[in-house]
Amino acid sequence: MMGVLLYLSVAILSILLAYRVVPQAQTVKGSKTEAANRYVLTGLILFLSLISALRVNTGNDYQTYIDHFHDVYVGNYVVTEPGFNILVKGIYGALDGEYYLVIFAVFALATVTGSVLAIYGQSNDFVMSFSLFMLFGLYFQSFNTVRYYFVLALAIYAYRCVIRREYVRFLAVIVIAAAFHKSVLLVIPLYLIAVLPWKKWLYPVIGTGIVSGWIFKDVYTALFFRYYPSYENETQYFSGNSVSWVNVARIIAVLALCYWLGKDTVEKDRKQRFYLHLNVMALALYIGFYYLPFLSRIGYYMSAGQIFLIPEMLARAGDKEKKILRIAIYALAAIYFLFFLREATKINIRILPYSTWLTAAP
């Protein structure tokens, strides 16, 4: 119960702090407003990083990562990527010991910093985007799989590279990210497809892909384990369905909002089209390939764009309609967050109960 209250408090306090941030589009470079934003964002980043860095034995793979750190340091065989291995060796070598709390703190700071700055740099409504980031559980889930959520922050930053046609920077960001979690390489074709205008014939192709996932289940599963052979030994986290159908419902709700507010115009806007297509592909992936282990890790690369797409859609509504929709979205996101907390003790999440090394027994 204390962990739930802590997470609720962290979400509320951080969202209240986010209200002090003026949208980047409304600030002038070098102005007092920009300086004030810098202070608020720094406080927000340090606050969230501290909560993450203080945890111990919180997360379904916390001990697994400690073992990974040790194996990297002593030179045992590891399946982790070279960027991660170099970082671990560098930190343990500099400290002359296996101080795993330091590595968790470094990943916490890097992940939170990347996420918050990506949101600030891309959203037309920082408060709403950041609130959705918190209420959809993206911050709290970073207590698990620290490599992946650091890479997810980079993948979210990479959205704007594609939208702005900065393809060299996009590839550079993804290559760096892949040095920590190779799954991110899949976003190269996915993001480039998502930003293109889609013809009507593409939707039957997507539907065919979904059906093929049902028919050739064994083939796709074998291909998955060929790409990720180490996951065959992690069946304790996999029960044959790695998809949260609540997340699927969330995607459908977002797509319905897009149809309602922008069915005739969203395809003409490069940014909104990109986020919309990412959600369509995430939905197709979840429905057609629900049986693949850890599918959510691929899906989040695409569905995370909801934190930008929802404010973009609201900007199209009239003033009265916008107020009603804004209240409704916050209410639904809060309910989603409570549901997320209810599930947070399960073995595949296990970010509750929250424990900190400040109070851990010696």
Protein backbone atom coordinates (compact mmCIF):
# COMPACT_ATOMS: atom_id res chain seq x y z
CA MET A 1 0.00 0.00 0.00
CA MET A 2 2.85 2.39 0.79
CA GLY A 3 4.32 1.79 -2.65
CA VAL A 4 1.00 2.67 -4.32
CA LEU A 5 0.77 5.88 -2.31
CA LEU A 6 4.36 6.71 -3.21
CA TYR A 7 3.75 6.22 -6.93
CA LEU A 8 0.54 8.25 -6.79
CA SER A 9 2.40 11.03 -4.99
CA VAL A 10 5.28 10.95 -7.49
CA ALA A 11 2.85 11.15 -10.42
CA ILE A 12 0.85 14.01 -8.91
CA LEU A 13 3.87 16.04 -7.76
CA SER A 14 5.71 15.67 -11.06
CA ILE A 15 2.62 16.65 -13.07
CA LEU A 16 2.12 19.71 -10.86
CA LEU A 17 5.75 20.64 -11.43
CA ALA A 18 5.26 20.19 -15.18
CA TYR A 19 2.56 22.87 -15.07
CA ARG A 20 5.32 25.40 -14.39
CA VAL A 21 6.88 24.70 -17.78
CA VAL A 22 6.03 27.10 -20.59
CA PRO A 23 5.77 25.34 -24.01
CA GLN A 24 8.97 25.68 -25.99
CA ALA A 25 7.11 27.27 -28.91
CA GLN A 26 6.11 30.15 -26.61
CA THR A 27 9.58 30.89 -25.29
CA VAL A 28 12.24 33.17 -26.68
CA LYS A 29 15.82 31.94 -26.71
CA GLY A 30 17.82 33.59 -23.96
CA SER A 31 14.71 34.90 -22.20
CA LYS A 32 13.83 34.64 -18.51
CA THR A 33 11.07 32.21 -19.45
CA GLU A 34 13.55 29.87 -21.08
CA ALA A 35 15.81 30.09 -18.02
CA ALA A 36 12.85 29.36 -15.73
CA ASN A 37 11.95 26.35 -17.88
CA ARG A 38 15.50 25.10 -17.57
CA TYR A 39 15.31 25.20 -13.77
CA VAL A 40 11.93 23.49 -13.65
CA LEU A 41 12.97 20.77 -16.10
CA THR A 42 16.17 20.17 -14.15
CA GLY A 43 14.18 19.80 -10.93
CA LEU A 44 11.74 17.45 -12.63
CA ILE A 45 14.53 15.30 -14.02
CA LEU A 46 16.39 15.13 -10.71
CA PHE A 47 13.21 14.28 -8.78
CA LEU A 48 12.20 11.40 -11.03
CA SER A 49 15.78 10.16 -11.36
CA LEU A 50 16.14 10.11 -7.58
CA ILE A 51 13.01 7.99 -7.07
CA SER A 52 14.33 5.49 -9.60
CA ALA A 53 17.91 5.51 -8.33
CA LEU A 54 16.89 4.92 -4.71
CA ARG A 55 15.09 1.66 -5.46
CA VAL A 56 16.52 -1.75 -4.61
CA ASN A 57 15.09 -5.15 -5.56
CA THR A 58 12.24 -3.35 -7.31
CA GLY A 59 11.57 -4.64 -10.80
CA ASN A 60 11.17 -8.11 -12.25
CA ASP A 61 14.76 -8.23 -13.51
CA TYR A 62 16.61 -6.26 -10.84
CA GLN A 63 18.68 -9.23 -9.67
CA THR A 64 19.12 -10.42 -13.25
CA TYR A 65 20.75 -7.12 -14.10
CA ILE A 66 23.06 -7.35 -11.11
CA ASP A 67 24.15 -10.72 -12.46
CA HIS A 68 24.63 -9.21 -15.93
CA PHE A 69 26.80 -6.45 -14.44
CA HIS A 70 28.94 -9.05 -12.68
CA ASP A 71 29.34 -11.24 -15.76
CA VAL A 72 30.35 -8.27 -17.89
CA TYR A 73 32.86 -7.11 -15.31
CA VAL A 74 34.59 -10.47 -14.82
CA GLY A 75 34.55 -11.34 -18.53
CA ASN A 76 31.94 -14.11 -18.56
CA TYR A 77 29.86 -14.74 -21.66
CA VAL A 78 26.96 -12.27 -21.88
CA VAL A 79 24.12 -11.69 -24.35
CA THR A 80 23.95 -7.96 -23.72
CA GLU A 81 25.01 -5.43 -26.34
CA PRO A 82 28.51 -3.86 -26.54
CA GLY A 83 27.49 -0.33 -25.53
CA PHE A 84 25.97 -1.65 -22.33
CA ASN A 85 29.01 -3.83 -21.65
CA ILE A 86 31.45 -0.95 -22.16
CA LEU A 87 29.45 1.27 -19.81
CA VAL A 88 29.34 -1.37 -17.08
CA LYS A 89 33.05 -2.14 -17.37
CA GLY A 90 33.87 1.56 -17.36
CA ILE A 91 31.88 2.31 -14.21
CA TYR A 92 32.99 -0.78 -12.29
CA GLY A 93 36.57 -0.22 -13.40
CA ALA A 94 36.56 3.45 -12.37
CA LEU A 95 35.07 2.59 -8.96
CA ASP A 96 37.26 -0.51 -8.59
CA GLY A 97 34.33 -2.59 -7.43
CA GLU A 98 30.88 -3.88 -8.27
CA TYR A 99 28.78 -0.91 -7.19
CA TYR A 100 25.61 -1.86 -9.02
CA LEU A 101 23.56 0.93 -7.41
CA VAL A 102 25.68 3.44 -9.33
CA ILE A 103 24.85 1.79 -12.67
CA PHE A 104 21.14 1.76 -11.89
CA ALA A 105 21.41 5.45 -10.97
CA VAL A 106 23.22 6.26 -14.22
CA PHE A 107 20.53 4.54 -16.28
CA ALA A 108 17.81 6.27 -14.25
CA LEU A 109 19.29 9.70 -14.91
CA ALA A 110 19.93 9.00 -18.61
CA THR A 111 16.45 7.57 -19.19
CA VAL A 112 14.56 10.32 -17.39
CA THR A 113 16.66 13.07 -18.97
CA GLY A 114 16.16 11.67 -22.46
CA SER A 115 12.42 11.20 -21.97
CA VAL A 116 11.69 14.61 -20.44
CA LEU A 117 13.78 16.54 -22.98
CA ALA A 118 12.26 14.57 -25.87
CA ILE A 119 8.79 15.49 -24.65
CA TYR A 120 9.74 19.15 -24.12
CA GLY A 121 11.30 19.38 -27.55
CA GLN A 122 8.45 17.78 -29.49
CA SER A 123 5.09 18.32 -27.82
CA ASN A 124 2.74 21.19 -28.59
CA ASP A 125 1.40 20.74 -25.03
CA PHE A 126 4.18 19.75 -22.64
CA VAL A 127 1.90 19.41 -19.62
CA MET A 128 -0.49 16.97 -21.30
CA SER A 129 2.26 14.96 -22.99
CA PHE A 130 4.23 14.66 -19.76
CA SER A 131 1.07 13.80 -17.80
CA LEU A 132 0.28 10.99 -20.25
CA PHE A 133 3.89 9.80 -20.03
CA MET A 134 3.40 9.42 -16.27
CA LEU A 135 -0.18 8.12 -16.25
CA PHE A 136 0.43 5.58 -19.00
CA GLY A 137 3.13 4.12 -16.73
CA LEU A 138 6.07 4.72 -19.06
CA TYR A 139 8.18 6.27 -16.31
CA PHE A 140 7.42 3.61 -13.70
CA GLN A 141 7.99 0.77 -16.14
CA SER A 142 11.55 2.03 -16.59
CA PHE A 143 12.23 0.42 -13.19
CA ASN A 144 12.39 -2.77 -15.30
CA THR A 145 14.61 -3.57 -18.26
CA VAL A 146 16.80 -0.51 -17.78
CA ARG A 147 18.56 -0.97 -21.13
CA TYR A 148 15.29 -1.03 -23.04
CA TYR A 149 13.72 2.04 -21.44
CA PHE A 150 16.88 4.06 -21.97
CA VAL A 151 16.71 3.05 -25.63
CA LEU A 152 12.97 3.85 -25.73
CA ALA A 153 13.81 7.40 -24.64
CA LEU A 154 16.20 7.66 -27.59
CA ALA A 155 13.58 6.18 -29.93
CA ILE A 156 11.09 8.83 -28.78
CA TYR A 157 13.69 11.52 -29.47
CA ALA A 158 14.18 9.99 -32.92
CA TYR A 159 10.56 10.78 -33.80
CA ARG A 160 11.41 14.39 -34.52
CA CYS A 161 14.43 13.44 -36.60
CA VAL A 162 12.14 11.56 -38.98
CA ILE A 163 9.47 14.25 -38.94
CA ARG A 164 12.07 16.93 -39.75
CA ARG A 165 13.70 14.76 -42.42
CA GLU A 166 16.97 14.66 -40.45
CA TYR A 167 17.65 11.12 -41.60
CA VAL A 168 21.40 11.06 -40.90
CA ARG A 169 20.78 12.12 -37.29
CA PHE A 170 17.94 9.59 -37.06
CA LEU A 171 20.22 6.75 -38.14
CA ALA A 172 22.99 7.95 -35.80
CA VAL A 173 20.61 7.99 -32.81
CA ILE A 174 19.28 4.52 -33.58
CA VAL A 175 22.75 3.04 -34.10
CA ILE A 176 23.83 4.43 -30.71
CA ALA A 177 20.64 3.08 -29.13
CA ALA A 178 21.19 -0.35 -30.72
CA ALA A 179 24.50 -0.57 -28.86
CA PHE A 180 22.33 -0.96 -25.73
CA HIS A 181 19.29 -2.88 -27.07
CA LYS A 182 19.28 -4.21 -30.61
CA SER A 183 15.49 -4.40 -30.84
CA VAL A 184 15.50 -0.69 -31.67
CA LEU A 185 16.92 -1.46 -35.13
CA LEU A 186 13.39 -2.46 -36.13
CA VAL A 187 12.26 1.16 -35.88
CA ILE A 188 14.37 2.13 -38.90
CA PRO A 189 11.94 0.62 -41.43
CA LEU A 190 8.90 1.15 -39.18
CA TYR A 191 9.44 4.88 -38.70
CA LEU A 192 10.28 5.45 -42.36
CA ILE A 193 7.12 3.64 -43.43
CA ALA A 194 5.01 5.51 -40.86
CA VAL A 195 6.01 8.97 -42.06
CA LEU A 196 4.99 8.27 -45.67
CA PRO A 197 1.52 9.06 -47.06
CA TRP A 198 -0.36 5.78 -47.20
CA LYS A 199 -2.43 4.66 -50.14
CA LYS A 200 -5.70 2.84 -49.54
CA TRP A 201 -4.28 -0.43 -50.88
CA LEU A 202 -1.83 -0.55 -47.97
CA TYR A 203 -4.54 -1.32 -45.42
CA PRO A 204 -5.46 -4.68 -47.03
CA VAL A 205 -1.73 -5.47 -46.99
CA ILE A 206 -1.66 -4.80 -43.25
CA GLY A 207 -4.73 -6.97 -42.82
CA THR A 208 -3.01 -9.77 -44.74
CA GLY A 209 -0.02 -9.44 -42.45
CA ILE A 210 -2.27 -9.86 -39.41
CA VAL A 211 -3.86 -13.01 -40.85
CA SER A 212 -0.43 -14.42 -41.73
CA GLY A 213 0.54 -13.98 -38.10
CA TRP A 214 -2.33 -16.25 -37.08
CA ILE A 215 -1.68 -18.85 -39.79
CA PHE A 216 2.10 -19.07 -39.54
CA LYS A 217 2.39 -18.73 -35.78
CA ASP A 218 5.10 -21.41 -35.46
CA VAL A 219 7.17 -19.90 -38.26
CA TYR A 220 7.15 -16.41 -36.77
CA THR A 221 7.92 -17.77 -33.30
CA ALA A 222 10.92 -19.67 -34.64
CA LEU A 223 12.16 -16.54 -36.43
CA PHE A 224 11.76 -14.53 -33.25
CA PHE A 225 13.87 -16.94 -31.20
CA ARG A 226 16.46 -17.00 -33.97
CA TYR A 227 16.84 -13.25 -33.58
CA TYR A 228 16.57 -13.42 -29.76
CA PRO A 229 17.87 -16.88 -28.76
CA SER A 230 18.38 -15.82 -25.13
CA TYR A 231 14.65 -15.26 -24.68
CA GLU A 232 13.96 -18.99 -24.95
CA ASN A 233 15.35 -19.26 -21.43
CA GLU A 234 13.11 -16.51 -20.01
CA THR A 235 9.82 -18.38 -20.14
CA GLN A 236 9.10 -17.49 -16.50
CA TYR A 237 8.02 -14.07 -17.79
CA PHE A 238 6.09 -15.39 -20.78
CA SER A 239 2.77 -17.24 -20.76
CA GLY A 240 1.95 -17.31 -24.47
CA ASN A 241 0.42 -13.83 -24.61
CA SER A 242 2.69 -10.86 -24.09
CA VAL A 243 0.08 -8.28 -25.10
CA SER A 244 -1.88 -6.16 -22.66
CA TRP A 245 -5.35 -5.91 -24.13
CA VAL A 246 -5.86 -2.76 -22.10
CA ASN A 247 -3.05 -1.23 -24.18
CA VAL A 248 -4.80 -2.45 -27.33
CA ALA A 249 -8.00 -0.75 -26.15
CA ARG A 250 -5.98 2.44 -25.56
CA ILE A 251 -4.67 2.37 -29.12
CA ILE A 252 -8.18 1.86 -30.50
CA ALA A 253 -9.46 4.78 -28.41
CA VAL A 254 -6.66 7.03 -29.72
CA LEU A 255 -7.38 6.01 -33.32
CA ALA A 256 -11.08 6.75 -32.75
CA LEU A 257 -10.14 10.21 -31.47
CA CYS A 258 -8.09 10.79 -34.61
CA TYR A 259 -10.98 9.73 -36.84
CA TRP A 260 -13.40 11.97 -34.99
CA LEU A 261 -11.27 15.12 -34.95
CA GLY A 262 -9.05 14.74 -37.99
CA LYS A 263 -10.33 12.13 -40.43
CA ASP A 264 -10.12 14.54 -43.37
CA THR A 265 -6.91 16.35 -42.48
CA VAL A 266 -4.62 14.19 -40.33
CA GLU A 267 -3.08 12.45 -43.35
CA LYS A 268 -2.05 15.84 -44.76
CA ASP A 269 0.01 16.78 -41.70
CA ARG A 270 3.40 15.03 -41.70
CA LYS A 271 3.75 14.98 -37.91
CA GLN A 272 0.24 13.78 -37.12
CA ARG A 273 0.31 11.27 -39.96
CA PHE A 274 3.52 9.81 -38.55
CA TYR A 275 2.08 9.30 -35.05
CA LEU A 276 -1.20 7.97 -36.46
CA HIS A 277 0.51 5.39 -38.66
CA LEU A 278 2.72 4.25 -35.79
CA ASN A 279 -0.39 3.46 -33.75
CA VAL A 280 -2.01 1.62 -36.65
CA MET A 281 1.12 -0.55 -37.01
CA ALA A 282 1.27 -1.15 -33.25
CA LEU A 283 -2.35 -2.31 -33.28
CA ALA A 284 -1.68 -4.65 -36.21
CA LEU A 285 1.38 -6.04 -34.45
CA TYR A 286 -0.50 -6.71 -31.21
CA ILE A 287 -3.47 -8.36 -32.89
CA GLY A 288 -1.55 -10.46 -35.39
CA PHE A 289 1.47 -11.46 -33.32
CA TYR A 290 0.15 -11.42 -29.73
CA TYR A 291 1.93 -14.70 -28.98
CA LEU A 292 5.50 -13.45 -29.47
CA PRO A 293 7.43 -13.00 -26.22
CA PHE A 294 7.98 -9.41 -25.05
CA LEU A 295 6.07 -8.01 -28.04
CA SER A 296 5.26 -4.91 -25.99
CA ARG A 297 8.90 -3.85 -26.27
CA ILE A 298 8.43 -3.42 -30.02
CA GLY A 299 4.95 -1.99 -29.67
CA TYR A 300 6.03 0.75 -27.26
CA TYR A 301 8.42 2.16 -29.86
CA MET A 302 5.28 2.98 -31.85
CA SER A 303 2.49 3.49 -29.32
CA ALA A 304 4.58 5.90 -27.20
CA GLY A 305 3.80 8.47 -29.88
CA GLN A 306 0.32 8.73 -28.33
CA ILE A 307 1.67 11.23 -25.81
CA PHE A 308 2.22 13.61 -28.75
CA LEU A 309 -0.68 12.57 -30.98
CA ILE A 310 -3.41 13.16 -28.39
CA PRO A 311 -2.49 16.84 -27.80
CA GLU A 312 -2.12 17.30 -31.56
CA MET A 313 -5.68 16.05 -32.04
CA LEU A 314 -7.06 18.18 -29.22
CA ALA A 315 -5.62 21.26 -30.89
CA ARG A 316 -8.10 20.64 -33.71
CA ALA A 317 -11.15 20.78 -31.43
CA GLY A 318 -13.21 23.87 -30.64
CA ASP A 319 -12.69 25.63 -27.31
CA LYS A 320 -15.70 24.10 -25.53
CA GLU A 321 -15.13 20.67 -27.07
CA LYS A 322 -11.44 20.85 -26.17
CA LYS A 323 -12.17 21.48 -22.47
CA ILE A 324 -14.56 18.54 -22.28
CA LEU A 325 -12.19 16.23 -24.13
CA ARG A 326 -9.23 17.33 -22.03
CA ILE A 327 -11.07 16.50 -18.79
CA ALA A 328 -12.24 13.17 -20.23
CA ILE A 329 -8.72 12.21 -21.37
CA TYR A 330 -7.19 13.05 -18.01
CA ALA A 331 -9.91 11.06 -16.23
CA LEU A 332 -9.43 8.02 -18.46
CA ALA A 333 -5.63 8.25 -18.13
CA ALA A 334 -5.98 8.38 -14.33
CA ILE A 335 -8.19 5.28 -14.39
CA TYR A 336 -5.66 3.57 -16.63
CA PHE A 337 -2.90 4.49 -14.16
CA LEU A 338 -4.85 2.99 -11.25
CA PHE A 339 -5.35 -0.19 -13.26
CA PHE A 340 -1.63 -0.21 -14.02
CA LEU A 341 -0.82 0.06 -10.30
CA ARG A 342 -3.19 -2.82 -9.56
CA GLU A 343 -1.21 -4.99 -11.99
CA ALA A 344 2.20 -3.76 -10.85
CA THR A 345 2.80 -6.62 -8.41
CA LYS A 346 2.58 -9.30 -11.13
CA ILE A 347 5.73 -11.24 -11.99
CA ASN A 348 6.08 -9.74 -15.46
CA ILE A 349 6.03 -6.20 -14.00
CA ARG A 350 6.81 -6.38 -10.27
CA ILE A 351 7.58 -2.71 -9.68
CA LEU A 352 5.57 -3.05 -6.48
CA PRO A 353 6.33 -3.29 -3.65
CA TYR A 354 8.82 -0.43 -3.85
CA SER A 355 11.95 -0.88 -1.75
CA THR A 356 14.81 1.53 -1.24
CA TRP A 357 18.36 0.94 -0.12
CA LEU A 358 17.96 3.85 2.31
CA THR A 359 15.88 1.63 4.58
CA ALA A 360 17.24 -1.79 3.56
CA ALA A 361 18.61 -3.93 6.37
CA PRO A 362 22.42 -3.98 6.53
